[in-house]
PDB file of N, CA and C in Angstrom:
ATOM      1  N   UNK A   1      71.132  63.391 -40.709  1.00  0.00           N
ATOM      2  CA  UNK A   1      72.097  63.101 -40.924  1.00  0.00           C
ATOM      3  C   UNK A   1      72.850  61.598 -40.507  1.00  0.00           C
ATOM      4  N   UNK A   2      72.099  60.864 -41.794  1.00  0.00           N
ATOM      5  CA  UNK A   2      72.675  59.010 -41.336  1.00  0.00           C
ATOM      6  C   UNK A   2      74.246  59.338 -40.985  1.00  0.00           C
ATOM      7  N   UNK A   3      75.162  58.487 -40.338  1.00  0.00           N
ATOM      8  CA  UNK A   3      76.367  57.779 -40.340  1.00  0.00           C
ATOM      9  C   UNK A   3      76.069  56.533 -40.165  1.00  0.00           C
ATOM     10  N   UNK A   4      77.364  56.180 -41.329  1.00  0.00           N
ATOM     11  CA  UNK A   4      77.688  54.910 -40.999  1.00  0.00           C
ATOM     12  C   UNK A   4      79.361  54.848 -41.329  1.00  0.00           C
ATOM     13  N   UNK A   5      79.888  53.896 -39.858  1.00  0.00           N
ATOM     14  CA  UNK A   5      81.171  54.122 -39.539  1.00  0.00           C
ATOM     15  C   UNK A   5      81.904  53.071 -40.595  1.00  0.00           C
ATOM     16  N   UNK A   6      83.169  53.119 -41.204  1.00  0.00           N
ATOM     17  CA  UNK A   6      83.734  52.667 -41.751  1.00  0.00           C
ATOM     18  C   UNK A   6      84.630  52.471 -41.427  1.00  0.00           C
ATOM     19  N   UNK A   7      85.473  52.758 -40.731  1.00  0.00           N
ATOM     20  CA  UNK A   7      86.908  52.256 -39.550  1.00  0.00           C
ATOM     21  C   UNK A   7      87.029  53.143 -38.373  1.00  0.00           C
ATOM     22  N   UNK A   8      88.005  52.325 -37.409  1.00  0.00           N
ATOM     23  CA  UNK A   8      87.772  52.927 -36.289  1.00  0.00           C
ATOM     24  C   UNK A   8      89.346  52.625 -35.719  1.00  0.00           C
ATOM     25  N   UNK A   9      89.752  53.495 -35.242  1.00  0.00           N
ATOM     26  CA  UNK A   9      91.441  53.003 -34.494  1.00  0.00           C
ATOM     27  C   UNK A   9      91.801  53.997 -33.511  1.00  0.00           C
ATOM     28  N   UNK A  10      92.943  53.429 -32.897  1.00  0.00           N
ATOM     29  CA  UNK A  10      93.140  54.299 -32.261  1.00  0.00           C
ATOM     30  C   UNK A  10      93.215  56.167 -32.747  1.00  0.00           C
ATOM     31  N   UNK A  11      93.632  55.971 -33.170  1.00  0.00           N
ATOM     32  CA  UNK A  11      94.365  57.156 -34.304  1.00  0.00           C
ATOM     33  C   UNK A  11      93.444  58.260 -35.653  1.00  0.00           C
ATOM     34  N   UNK A  12      92.246  57.229 -36.234  1.00  0.00           N
ATOM     35  CA  UNK A  12      91.781  57.212 -37.236  1.00  0.00           C
ATOM     36  C   UNK A  12      90.203  57.005 -37.116  1.00  0.00           C
ATOM     37  N   UNK A  13      89.488  57.000 -37.321  1.00  0.00           N
ATOM     38  CA  UNK A  13      88.479  56.954 -37.139  1.00  0.00           C
ATOM     39  C   UNK A  13      87.178  57.737 -38.881  1.00  0.00           C
ATOM     40  N   UNK A  14      86.565  56.638 -39.623  1.00  0.00           N
ATOM     41  CA  UNK A  14      86.062  57.115 -41.044  1.00  0.00           C
ATOM     42  C   UNK A  14      84.957  57.060 -41.040  1.00  0.00           C
ATOM     43  N   UNK A  15      84.029  57.421 -40.936  1.00  0.00           N
ATOM     44  CA  UNK A  15      82.205  57.648 -41.243  1.00  0.00           C
ATOM     45  C   UNK A  15      82.053  58.695 -43.132  1.00  0.00           C
ATOM     46  N   UNK A  16      81.019  57.683 -43.208  1.00  0.00           N
ATOM     47  CA  UNK A  16      80.495  57.941 -44.278  1.00  0.00           C
ATOM     48  C   UNK A  16      78.909  59.239 -44.165  1.00  0.00           C
ATOM     49  N   UNK A  17      78.452  59.866 -43.942  1.00  0.00           N
ATOM     50  CA  UNK A  17      78.472  61.000 -43.509  1.00  0.00           C
ATOM     51  C   UNK A  17      76.566  60.965 -45.029  1.00  0.00           C
ATOM     52  N   UNK A  18      75.336  60.731 -44.378  1.00  0.00           N
ATOM     53  CA  UNK A  18      74.771  61.086 -45.893  1.00  0.00           C
ATOM     54  C   UNK A  18      73.696  62.492 -44.511  1.00  0.00           C
ATOM     55  N   UNK A  19      73.925  63.434 -46.377  1.00  0.00           N
ATOM     56  CA  UNK A  19      72.499  64.772 -45.446  1.00  0.00           C
ATOM     57  C   UNK A  19      71.470  64.510 -46.610  1.00  0.00           C
ATOM     58  N   UNK A  20      70.245  63.894 -45.925  1.00  0.00           N
ATOM     59  CA  UNK A  20      69.455  63.438 -47.329  1.00  0.00           C
ATOM     60  C   UNK A  20      68.710  65.659 -46.731  1.00  0.00           C
ATOM     61  N   UNK A  21      68.770  66.727 -46.238  1.00  0.00           N
ATOM     62  CA  UNK A  21      68.780  67.366 -46.609  1.00  0.00           C
ATOM     63  C   UNK A  21      68.666  68.455 -48.421  1.00  0.00           C
ATOM     64  N   UNK A  22      67.129  69.131 -47.999  1.00  0.00           N
ATOM     65  CA  UNK A  22      67.566  69.608 -50.134  1.00  0.00           C
ATOM     66  C   UNK A  22      67.591  71.313 -49.756  1.00  0.00           C
ATOM     67  N   UNK A  23      67.649  71.435 -50.833  1.00  0.00           N
ATOM     68  CA  UNK A  23      67.617  73.207 -50.940  1.00  0.00           C
ATOM     69  C   UNK A  23      66.485  73.782 -49.852  1.00  0.00           C
ATOM     70  N   UNK A  24      66.713  74.672 -49.309  1.00  0.00           N
ATOM     71  CA  UNK A  24      65.634  75.637 -49.077  1.00  0.00           C
ATOM     72  C   UNK A  24      65.638  75.286 -47.236  1.00  0.00           C
ATOM     73  N   UNK A  25      66.355  74.230 -47.094  1.00  0.00           N
ATOM     74  CA  UNK A  25      66.278  73.396 -45.751  1.00  0.00           C
ATOM     75  C   UNK A  25      67.537  74.691 -44.660  1.00  0.00           C
ATOM     76  N   UNK A  26      66.442  74.566 -42.523  1.00  0.00           N
ATOM     77  CA  UNK A  26      66.986  75.156 -42.347  1.00  0.00           C
ATOM     78  C   UNK A  26      68.533  74.664 -42.394  1.00  0.00           C
ATOM     79  N   UNK A  27      69.411  76.378 -42.184  1.00  0.00           N
ATOM     80  CA  UNK A  27      71.317  75.739 -41.736  1.00  0.00           C
ATOM     81  C   UNK A  27      71.262  75.217 -40.616  1.00  0.00           C
ATOM     82  N   UNK A  28      72.277  74.934 -39.928  1.00  0.00           N
ATOM     83  CA  UNK A  28      72.773  74.552 -38.509  1.00  0.00           C
ATOM     84  C   UNK A  28      74.157  74.263 -37.596  1.00  0.00           C
ATOM     85  N   UNK A  29      74.467  74.543 -37.638  1.00  0.00           N
ATOM     86  CA  UNK A  29      75.753  74.516 -36.412  1.00  0.00           C
ATOM     87  C   UNK A  29      76.128  73.612 -36.550  1.00  0.00           C
ATOM     88  N   UNK A  30      77.845  72.883 -37.701  1.00  0.00           N
ATOM     89  CA  UNK A  30      78.106  71.892 -37.306  1.00  0.00           C
ATOM     90  C   UNK A  30      80.021  72.343 -36.243  1.00  0.00           C
ATOM     91  N   UNK A  31      79.560  71.376 -35.810  1.00  0.00           N
ATOM     92  CA  UNK A  31      80.783  71.915 -34.416  1.00  0.00           C
ATOM     93  C   UNK A  31      82.131  70.043 -34.766  1.00  0.00           C
ATOM     94  N   UNK A  32      82.844  70.279 -34.886  1.00  0.00           N
ATOM     95  CA  UNK A  32      84.762  69.209 -35.075  1.00  0.00           C
ATOM     96  C   UNK A  32      85.065  69.069 -33.468  1.00  0.00           C
ATOM     97  N   UNK A  33      85.181  67.473 -33.863  1.00  0.00           N
ATOM     98  CA  UNK A  33      84.982  67.462 -32.377  1.00  0.00           C
ATOM     99  C   UNK A  33      86.521  67.468 -32.329  1.00  0.00           C
ATOM    100  N   UNK A  34      87.586  67.252 -33.384  1.00  0.00           N
ATOM    101  CA  UNK A  34      88.526  67.301 -33.350  1.00  0.00           C
ATOM    102  C   UNK A  34      88.759  67.515 -35.386  1.00  0.00           C
ATOM    103  N   UNK A  35      90.403  67.255 -35.308  1.00  0.00           N
ATOM    104  CA  UNK A  35      90.553  67.699 -37.575  1.00  0.00           C
ATOM    105  C   UNK A  35      89.761  66.260 -37.838  1.00  0.00           C
ATOM    106  N   UNK A  36      89.253  67.192 -39.200  1.00  0.00           N
ATOM    107  CA  UNK A  36      88.300  66.369 -39.588  1.00  0.00           C
ATOM    108  C   UNK A  36      88.600  67.012 -41.523  1.00  0.00           C
ATOM    109  N   UNK A  37      88.439  65.457 -42.400  1.00  0.00           N
ATOM    110  CA  UNK A  37      88.598  66.292 -43.335  1.00  0.00           C
ATOM    111  C   UNK A  37      87.288  65.426 -44.751  1.00  0.00           C
ATOM    112  N   UNK A  38      86.834  66.292 -44.684  1.00  0.00           N
ATOM    113  CA  UNK A  38      85.995  66.186 -45.943  1.00  0.00           C
ATOM    114  C   UNK A  38      85.233  66.104 -47.447  1.00  0.00           C
ATOM    115  N   UNK A  39      85.028  64.956 -47.917  1.00  0.00           N
ATOM    116  CA  UNK A  39      85.089  64.719 -49.413  1.00  0.00           C
ATOM    117  C   UNK A  39      83.441  65.121 -49.738  1.00  0.00           C
ATOM    118  N   UNK A  40      83.019  65.809 -50.948  1.00  0.00           N
ATOM    119  CA  UNK A  40      81.901  65.719 -51.261  1.00  0.00           C
ATOM    120  C   UNK A  40      81.590  64.833 -52.467  1.00  0.00           C
ATOM    121  N   UNK A  41      80.975  64.246 -52.192  1.00  0.00           N
ATOM    122  CA  UNK A  41      80.836  63.325 -53.778  1.00  0.00           C
ATOM    123  C   UNK A  41      79.606  63.986 -53.781  1.00  0.00           C
ATOM    124  N   UNK A  42      78.730  63.740 -53.908  1.00  0.00           N
ATOM    125  CA  UNK A  42      77.703  64.391 -54.964  1.00  0.00           C
ATOM    126  C   UNK A  42      76.902  65.465 -54.412  1.00  0.00           C
ATOM    127  N   UNK A  43      76.330  66.314 -55.316  1.00  0.00           N
ATOM    128  CA  UNK A  43      75.119  67.718 -54.922  1.00  0.00           C
ATOM    129  C   UNK A  43      76.452  68.688 -54.177  1.00  0.00           C
ATOM    130  N   UNK A  44      75.836  70.079 -53.543  1.00  0.00           N
ATOM    131  CA  UNK A  44      76.561  70.481 -52.332  1.00  0.00           C
ATOM    132  C   UNK A  44      75.558  71.897 -51.285  1.00  0.00           C
ATOM    133  N   UNK A  45      76.565  71.473 -51.036  1.00  0.00           N
ATOM    134  CA  UNK A  45      75.985  73.318 -49.848  1.00  0.00           C
ATOM    135  C   UNK A  45      77.079  73.976 -49.211  1.00  0.00           C
ATOM    136  N   UNK A  46      76.333  75.281 -49.057  1.00  0.00           N
ATOM    137  CA  UNK A  46      77.599  76.438 -48.690  1.00  0.00           C
ATOM    138  C   UNK A  46      77.445  76.113 -47.068  1.00  0.00           C
ATOM    139  N   UNK A  47      78.779  76.559 -46.493  1.00  0.00           N
ATOM    140  CA  UNK A  47      79.673  76.502 -45.493  1.00  0.00           C
ATOM    141  C   UNK A  47      80.269  78.100 -45.486  1.00  0.00           C
ATOM    142  N   UNK A  48      79.362  78.755 -43.663  1.00  0.00           N
ATOM    143  CA  UNK A  48      80.172  79.985 -43.400  1.00  0.00           C
ATOM    144  C   UNK A  48      81.311  79.424 -42.054  1.00  0.00           C
ATOM    145  N   UNK A  49      82.461  80.314 -42.428  1.00  0.00           N
ATOM    146  CA  UNK A  49      83.586  79.673 -41.194  1.00  0.00           C
ATOM    147  C   UNK A  49      84.524  80.942 -41.202  1.00  0.00           C
ATOM    148  N   UNK A  50      84.527  82.015 -40.486  1.00  0.00           N
ATOM    149  CA  UNK A  50      85.430  83.219 -40.391  1.00  0.00           C
ATOM    150  C   UNK A  50      85.081  83.928 -40.637  1.00  0.00           C
ATOM    151  N   UNK A  51      82.943  84.299 -41.228  1.00  0.00           N
ATOM    152  CA  UNK A  51      82.662  85.241 -41.431  1.00  0.00           C
ATOM    153  C   UNK A  51      83.140  85.504 -43.180  1.00  0.00           C
ATOM    154  N   UNK A  52      83.680  84.574 -43.563  1.00  0.00           N
ATOM    155  CA  UNK A  52      83.396  84.300 -45.151  1.00  0.00           C
ATOM    156  C   UNK A  52      82.300  82.849 -45.942  1.00  0.00           C
ATOM    157  N   UNK A  53      82.053  83.316 -47.270  1.00  0.00           N
ATOM    158  CA  UNK A  53      80.871  81.591 -47.277  1.00  0.00           C
ATOM    159  C   UNK A  53      81.311  81.516 -48.407  1.00  0.00           C
ATOM    160  N   UNK A  54      81.370  80.228 -48.579  1.00  0.00           N
ATOM    161  CA  UNK A  54      81.984  78.951 -49.222  1.00  0.00           C
ATOM    162  C   UNK A  54      80.761  78.060 -50.091  1.00  0.00           C
ATOM    163  N   UNK A  55      80.916  78.112 -51.012  1.00  0.00           N
ATOM    164  CA  UNK A  55      80.805  76.774 -51.580  1.00  0.00           C
ATOM    165  C   UNK A  55      80.755  75.871 -51.841  1.00  0.00           C
ATOM    166  N   UNK A  56      80.594  74.753 -51.458  1.00  0.00           N
ATOM    167  CA  UNK A  56      81.107  73.978 -51.680  1.00  0.00           C
ATOM    168  C   UNK A  56      80.718  72.334 -52.787  1.00  0.00           C
ATOM    169  N   UNK A  57      80.612  72.528 -54.088  1.00  0.00           N
ATOM    170  CA  UNK A  57      80.331  70.983 -54.983  1.00  0.00           C
ATOM    171  C   UNK A  57      80.902  70.093 -54.526  1.00  0.00           C
ATOM    172  N   UNK A  58      80.463  69.813 -55.271  1.00  0.00           N
ATOM    173  CA  UNK A  58      81.173  67.386 -56.521  1.00  0.00           C
ATOM    174  C   UNK A  58      82.791  67.400 -56.935  1.00  0.00           C
ATOM    175  N   UNK A  59      84.154  66.902 -55.563  1.00  0.00           N
ATOM    176  CA  UNK A  59      84.473  66.380 -55.920  1.00  0.00           C
ATOM    177  C   UNK A  59      85.747  68.293 -54.903  1.00  0.00           C
ATOM    178  N   UNK A  60      84.489  68.674 -53.891  1.00  0.00           N
ATOM    179  CA  UNK A  60      85.271  69.336 -52.951  1.00  0.00           C
ATOM    180  C   UNK A  60      85.932  68.875 -52.085  1.00  0.00           C
ATOM    181  N   UNK A  61      86.716  69.656 -51.050  1.00  0.00           N
ATOM    182  CA  UNK A  61      87.880  68.719 -50.126  1.00  0.00           C
ATOM    183  C   UNK A  61      87.347  69.993 -48.989  1.00  0.00           C
ATOM    184  N   UNK A  62      86.673  69.714 -47.781  1.00  0.00           N
ATOM    185  CA  UNK A  62      87.154  70.647 -46.557  1.00  0.00           C
ATOM    186  C   UNK A  62      87.706  70.190 -44.989  1.00  0.00           C
ATOM    187  N   UNK A  63      88.580  71.322 -44.965  1.00  0.00           N
ATOM    188  CA  UNK A  63      89.479  70.333 -43.432  1.00  0.00           C
ATOM    189  C   UNK A  63      88.988  71.046 -42.785  1.00  0.00           C
ATOM    190  N   UNK A  64      88.221  70.236 -41.634  1.00  0.00           N
ATOM    191  CA  UNK A  64      88.268  71.406 -40.190  1.00  0.00           C
ATOM    192  C   UNK A  64      89.069  71.019 -38.729  1.00  0.00           C
ATOM    193  N   UNK A  65      88.344  72.049 -37.963  1.00  0.00           N
ATOM    194  CA  UNK A  65      88.461  72.095 -36.620  1.00  0.00           C
ATOM    195  C   UNK A  65      88.053  72.240 -35.688  1.00  0.00           C
TER     196      UNK A  65
END
């Protein structure tokens, strides 16, 4: 997964992540280093949190910590 830094300051870092995995790819654990907000610009992916599964599609927002 490639990331491009868009902005970075003391209290805020903005990065553009590009996921190149396709359907059927092996799942992996993602760990947030702090608070994060993700916006799905295209495609979709599954997300499992606290035992509940979610499908994030284009236009979805994900808030994590």
